[in-house]
Amino acid sequence: MKKKIYILKKDIFFDKNPEGIFILSPKGETLILDDEVAMVIWKEFNENSHLTNENLVGKLLIDFNLDVTFKERVENDVTRFFAELLNHGLIEEREYELHESIH
């Protein structure tokens, strides 16, 4: 089964201040992350070598104390956020194959 991972590109300049996180894209655009969820996702990208949609959704549900009934909504939000980061050239998308181990 193939899964997607997302990796923050190297040499992305960003600055965090009280107004939010300011990110300079490779295209020269400035993006501003000023909501708590977006800032948590950006922090996760900077602390981990890669993220998957599933891992991030689980973390957000726990961090924001959301019931599992919000899972689909959070999945959709994360998918859209990843699409925006991809569009601005901030992250890379890669596929990897999961191999089940036989015990």
N, C-alpha and C. Protein backbone atom coordinates (compact mmCIF):
# COMPACT_ATOMS: atom_id res chain seq x y z
N MET A 1 0.84 -1.17 0.00
CA MET A 1 0.00 0.00 0.00
C MET A 1 0.90 1.24 0.00
N LYS A 2 0.60 2.20 -0.90
CA LYS A 2 1.40 3.42 -0.98
C LYS A 2 0.80 4.50 -0.09
N LYS A 3 1.68 5.23 0.58
CA LYS A 3 1.29 6.35 1.42
C LYS A 3 2.08 7.56 0.98
N LYS A 4 1.60 8.74 1.34
CA LYS A 4 2.31 9.97 1.02
C LYS A 4 2.93 10.55 2.27
N ILE A 5 4.16 11.04 2.10
CA ILE A 5 4.80 11.79 3.17
C ILE A 5 5.10 13.18 2.63
N TYR A 6 5.18 14.12 3.54
CA TYR A 6 5.46 15.50 3.18
C TYR A 6 6.71 15.94 3.91
N ILE A 7 7.59 16.58 3.16
CA ILE A 7 8.90 16.97 3.69
C ILE A 7 9.09 18.46 3.48
N LEU A 8 9.50 19.17 4.52
CA LEU A 8 9.80 20.60 4.41
C LEU A 8 11.07 20.77 3.59
N LYS A 9 11.01 21.63 2.59
CA LYS A 9 12.19 21.87 1.76
C LYS A 9 13.26 22.58 2.59
N LYS A 10 14.50 22.35 2.22
CA LYS A 10 15.62 22.97 2.92
C LYS A 10 15.70 24.44 2.55
N ASP A 11 16.33 25.20 3.42
CA ASP A 11 16.61 26.62 3.19
C ASP A 11 15.36 27.48 3.04
N ILE A 12 14.29 27.13 3.72
CA ILE A 12 13.09 27.97 3.74
C ILE A 12 13.27 28.95 4.90
N PHE A 13 13.19 30.25 4.59
CA PHE A 13 13.35 31.26 5.63
C PHE A 13 11.98 31.54 6.26
N PHE A 14 11.97 31.56 7.59
CA PHE A 14 10.75 31.94 8.30
C PHE A 14 11.12 32.61 9.61
N ASP A 15 10.20 33.39 10.12
CA ASP A 15 10.41 34.10 11.36
C ASP A 15 9.12 34.07 12.15
N LYS A 16 9.24 33.74 13.43
CA LYS A 16 8.06 33.71 14.30
C LYS A 16 8.10 34.94 15.20
N ASN A 17 6.98 35.63 15.28
CA ASN A 17 6.85 36.75 16.20
C ASN A 17 5.43 36.75 16.75
N PRO A 18 5.08 37.71 17.61
CA PRO A 18 3.73 37.69 18.22
C PRO A 18 2.58 37.75 17.21
N GLU A 19 2.83 38.25 16.01
CA GLU A 19 1.77 38.34 15.01
C GLU A 19 1.55 37.04 14.26
N GLY A 20 2.50 36.12 14.32
CA GLY A 20 2.38 34.85 13.62
C GLY A 20 3.73 34.39 13.09
N ILE A 21 3.67 33.49 12.12
CA ILE A 21 4.88 32.97 11.48
C ILE A 21 4.90 33.51 10.05
N PHE A 22 5.97 34.22 9.72
CA PHE A 22 6.15 34.79 8.39
C PHE A 22 7.10 33.88 7.62
N ILE A 23 6.68 33.41 6.46
CA ILE A 23 7.46 32.46 5.66
C ILE A 23 7.71 33.07 4.29
N LEU A 24 8.97 33.04 3.87
CA LEU A 24 9.33 33.50 2.53
C LEU A 24 9.40 32.28 1.62
N SER A 25 8.54 32.25 0.62
CA SER A 25 8.51 31.10 -0.29
C SER A 25 9.63 31.22 -1.31
N PRO A 26 9.99 30.10 -1.96
CA PRO A 26 11.00 30.15 -3.01
C PRO A 26 10.60 31.08 -4.17
N LYS A 27 9.31 31.36 -4.31
CA LYS A 27 8.82 32.25 -5.36
C LYS A 27 8.90 33.72 -4.95
N GLY A 28 9.37 33.98 -3.71
CA GLY A 28 9.48 35.35 -3.22
C GLY A 28 8.22 35.88 -2.56
N GLU A 29 7.24 35.02 -2.35
CA GLU A 29 6.01 35.42 -1.69
C GLU A 29 6.16 35.28 -0.18
N THR A 30 5.48 36.15 0.55
CA THR A 30 5.47 36.04 2.00
C THR A 30 4.13 35.47 2.44
N LEU A 31 4.19 34.37 3.15
CA LEU A 31 2.99 33.76 3.71
C LEU A 31 2.98 34.04 5.20
N ILE A 32 1.80 34.29 5.74
CA ILE A 32 1.67 34.55 7.17
C ILE A 32 0.74 33.50 7.76
N LEU A 33 1.27 32.75 8.71
CA LEU A 33 0.45 31.78 9.46
C LEU A 33 0.10 32.45 10.77
N ASP A 34 -1.18 32.73 10.97
CA ASP A 34 -1.56 33.43 12.19
C ASP A 34 -2.62 32.71 13.01
N ASP A 35 -2.98 31.49 12.59
CA ASP A 35 -3.90 30.73 13.43
C ASP A 35 -3.15 29.59 14.11
N GLU A 36 -3.67 29.19 15.23
CA GLU A 36 -2.97 28.24 16.09
C GLU A 36 -2.71 26.89 15.41
N VAL A 37 -3.68 26.40 14.66
CA VAL A 37 -3.52 25.09 14.01
C VAL A 37 -2.40 25.15 12.97
N ALA A 38 -2.40 26.17 12.13
CA ALA A 38 -1.36 26.30 11.11
C ALA A 38 0.02 26.41 11.75
N MET A 39 0.11 27.14 12.87
CA MET A 39 1.40 27.28 13.55
C MET A 39 1.86 25.95 14.14
N VAL A 40 0.94 25.14 14.65
CA VAL A 40 1.30 23.81 15.17
C VAL A 40 1.81 22.93 14.03
N ILE A 41 1.15 22.98 12.88
CA ILE A 41 1.60 22.18 11.73
C ILE A 41 2.99 22.61 11.30
N TRP A 42 3.23 23.92 11.21
CA TRP A 42 4.56 24.42 10.80
C TRP A 42 5.63 23.98 11.81
N LYS A 43 5.28 24.05 13.09
CA LYS A 43 6.23 23.62 14.13
C LYS A 43 6.56 22.14 13.96
N GLU A 44 5.56 21.32 13.66
CA GLU A 44 5.78 19.89 13.43
C GLU A 44 6.71 19.66 12.25
N PHE A 45 6.54 20.44 11.18
CA PHE A 45 7.44 20.31 10.03
C PHE A 45 8.88 20.62 10.42
N ASN A 46 9.07 21.56 11.30
CA ASN A 46 10.42 21.96 11.68
C ASN A 46 11.04 21.02 12.71
N GLU A 47 10.23 20.26 13.41
CA GLU A 47 10.75 19.34 14.42
C GLU A 47 10.90 17.91 13.90
N ASN A 48 10.28 17.60 12.77
CA ASN A 48 10.31 16.25 12.22
C ASN A 48 10.84 16.28 10.79
N SER A 49 11.45 15.21 10.38
CA SER A 49 12.00 15.17 9.02
C SER A 49 10.89 15.03 7.98
N HIS A 50 9.76 14.48 8.37
CA HIS A 50 8.64 14.34 7.44
C HIS A 50 7.34 14.18 8.23
N LEU A 51 6.24 14.42 7.55
CA LEU A 51 4.92 14.25 8.16
C LEU A 51 4.03 13.45 7.23
N THR A 52 3.12 12.72 7.82
CA THR A 52 2.06 12.09 7.04
C THR A 52 0.75 12.71 7.48
N ASN A 53 -0.22 12.64 6.60
CA ASN A 53 -1.54 13.18 6.93
C ASN A 53 -2.09 12.50 8.17
N GLU A 54 -1.96 11.18 8.24
CA GLU A 54 -2.53 10.41 9.35
C GLU A 54 -1.91 10.80 10.69
N ASN A 55 -0.58 10.89 10.72
CA ASN A 55 0.10 11.24 11.97
C ASN A 55 -0.27 12.64 12.43
N LEU A 56 -0.33 13.56 11.48
CA LEU A 56 -0.64 14.94 11.84
C LEU A 56 -2.08 15.09 12.32
N VAL A 57 -3.00 14.43 11.66
CA VAL A 57 -4.40 14.49 12.08
C VAL A 57 -4.54 13.97 13.50
N GLY A 58 -3.91 12.84 13.80
CA GLY A 58 -3.96 12.29 15.15
C GLY A 58 -3.41 13.25 16.18
N LYS A 59 -2.29 13.90 15.86
CA LYS A 59 -1.68 14.86 16.78
C LYS A 59 -2.60 16.05 17.02
N LEU A 60 -3.20 16.57 15.96
CA LEU A 60 -4.09 17.73 16.10
C LEU A 60 -5.32 17.39 16.92
N LEU A 61 -5.88 16.19 16.72
CA LEU A 61 -7.04 15.79 17.51
C LEU A 61 -6.69 15.75 19.00
N ILE A 62 -5.50 15.26 19.31
CA ILE A 62 -5.07 15.20 20.71
C ILE A 62 -4.73 16.58 21.25
N ASP A 63 -3.89 17.33 20.51
CA ASP A 63 -3.44 18.64 20.98
C ASP A 63 -4.58 19.62 21.22
N PHE A 64 -5.60 19.56 20.38
CA PHE A 64 -6.72 20.49 20.50
C PHE A 64 -7.93 19.86 21.16
N ASN A 65 -7.72 18.66 21.75
CA ASN A 65 -8.76 17.98 22.52
C ASN A 65 -10.07 17.86 21.72
N LEU A 66 -9.93 17.39 20.47
CA LEU A 66 -11.09 17.24 19.61
C LEU A 66 -11.57 15.79 19.62
N ASP A 67 -12.87 15.64 19.62
CA ASP A 67 -13.50 14.33 19.57
C ASP A 67 -13.25 13.71 18.19
N VAL A 68 -13.30 12.40 18.11
CA VAL A 68 -13.07 11.68 16.86
C VAL A 68 -14.09 12.06 15.79
N THR A 69 -15.22 12.63 16.20
CA THR A 69 -16.22 13.07 15.22
C THR A 69 -15.69 14.21 14.35
N PHE A 70 -14.63 14.88 14.78
CA PHE A 70 -14.02 15.96 14.01
C PHE A 70 -12.95 15.45 13.05
N LYS A 71 -12.67 14.15 13.08
CA LYS A 71 -11.54 13.61 12.32
C LYS A 71 -11.62 13.93 10.82
N GLU A 72 -12.77 13.71 10.21
CA GLU A 72 -12.90 13.95 8.77
C GLU A 72 -12.67 15.43 8.44
N ARG A 73 -13.21 16.30 9.26
CA ARG A 73 -13.03 17.74 9.04
C ARG A 73 -11.56 18.13 9.16
N VAL A 74 -10.88 17.59 10.18
CA VAL A 74 -9.45 17.88 10.37
C VAL A 74 -8.65 17.31 9.21
N GLU A 75 -8.98 16.10 8.75
CA GLU A 75 -8.30 15.50 7.60
C GLU A 75 -8.41 16.40 6.37
N ASN A 76 -9.61 16.92 6.13
CA ASN A 76 -9.82 17.81 4.98
C ASN A 76 -9.02 19.10 5.12
N ASP A 77 -9.00 19.67 6.32
CA ASP A 77 -8.24 20.89 6.56
C ASP A 77 -6.74 20.66 6.35
N VAL A 78 -6.23 19.55 6.85
CA VAL A 78 -4.80 19.23 6.70
C VAL A 78 -4.46 19.01 5.23
N THR A 79 -5.32 18.31 4.51
CA THR A 79 -5.10 18.08 3.08
C THR A 79 -5.03 19.40 2.32
N ARG A 80 -5.95 20.32 2.62
CA ARG A 80 -5.94 21.64 1.97
C ARG A 80 -4.69 22.44 2.34
N PHE A 81 -4.28 22.36 3.60
CA PHE A 81 -3.10 23.09 4.06
C PHE A 81 -1.85 22.55 3.36
N PHE A 82 -1.72 21.23 3.28
CA PHE A 82 -0.59 20.64 2.56
C PHE A 82 -0.60 21.08 1.09
N ALA A 83 -1.77 21.13 0.47
CA ALA A 83 -1.87 21.56 -0.93
C ALA A 83 -1.37 23.00 -1.09
N GLU A 84 -1.70 23.86 -0.14
CA GLU A 84 -1.22 25.25 -0.20
C GLU A 84 0.30 25.32 -0.05
N LEU A 85 0.84 24.56 0.90
CA LEU A 85 2.29 24.55 1.09
C LEU A 85 2.99 24.01 -0.16
N LEU A 86 2.42 22.98 -0.78
CA LEU A 86 2.97 22.44 -2.03
C LEU A 86 2.91 23.49 -3.13
N ASN A 87 1.79 24.18 -3.23
CA ASN A 87 1.60 25.20 -4.25
C ASN A 87 2.63 26.33 -4.14
N HIS A 88 3.01 26.66 -2.92
CA HIS A 88 3.98 27.73 -2.69
C HIS A 88 5.42 27.23 -2.70
N GLY A 89 5.60 25.93 -2.93
CA GLY A 89 6.95 25.38 -3.03
C GLY A 89 7.68 25.23 -1.71
N LEU A 90 6.93 25.10 -0.62
CA LEU A 90 7.54 25.01 0.71
C LEU A 90 7.80 23.58 1.15
N ILE A 91 7.02 22.64 0.62
CA ILE A 91 7.18 21.24 0.99
C ILE A 91 7.24 20.38 -0.27
N GLU A 92 7.72 19.16 -0.09
CA GLU A 92 7.74 18.16 -1.15
C GLU A 92 6.82 17.01 -0.75
N GLU A 93 6.21 16.41 -1.75
CA GLU A 93 5.36 15.24 -1.52
C GLU A 93 6.06 14.03 -2.11
N ARG A 94 6.15 12.98 -1.33
CA ARG A 94 6.75 11.73 -1.80
C ARG A 94 5.85 10.57 -1.43
N GLU A 95 5.93 9.53 -2.23
CA GLU A 95 5.18 8.32 -1.93
C GLU A 95 6.13 7.27 -1.39
N TYR A 96 5.65 6.48 -0.48
CA TYR A 96 6.43 5.36 0.01
C TYR A 96 5.51 4.16 0.15
N GLU A 97 6.10 3.02 0.10
CA GLU A 97 5.34 1.78 0.15
C GLU A 97 5.43 1.19 1.55
N LEU A 98 4.28 0.85 2.10
CA LEU A 98 4.24 0.16 3.39
C LEU A 98 4.30 -1.34 3.14
N HIS A 99 5.20 -1.99 3.80
CA HIS A 99 5.30 -3.44 3.70
C HIS A 99 4.86 -4.05 5.02
N GLU A 100 3.94 -4.96 4.95
CA GLU A 100 3.49 -5.63 6.16
C GLU A 100 4.50 -6.70 6.53
N SER A 101 4.85 -6.72 7.79
CA SER A 101 5.78 -7.77 8.22
C SER A 101 5.00 -9.02 8.58
N ILE A 102 5.60 -10.14 8.32
CA ILE A 102 4.96 -11.42 8.61
C ILE A 102 5.62 -11.99 9.86
N HIS A 103 4.79 -12.31 10.84
CA HIS A 103 5.32 -12.86 12.10
C HIS A 103 4.84 -14.27 12.29
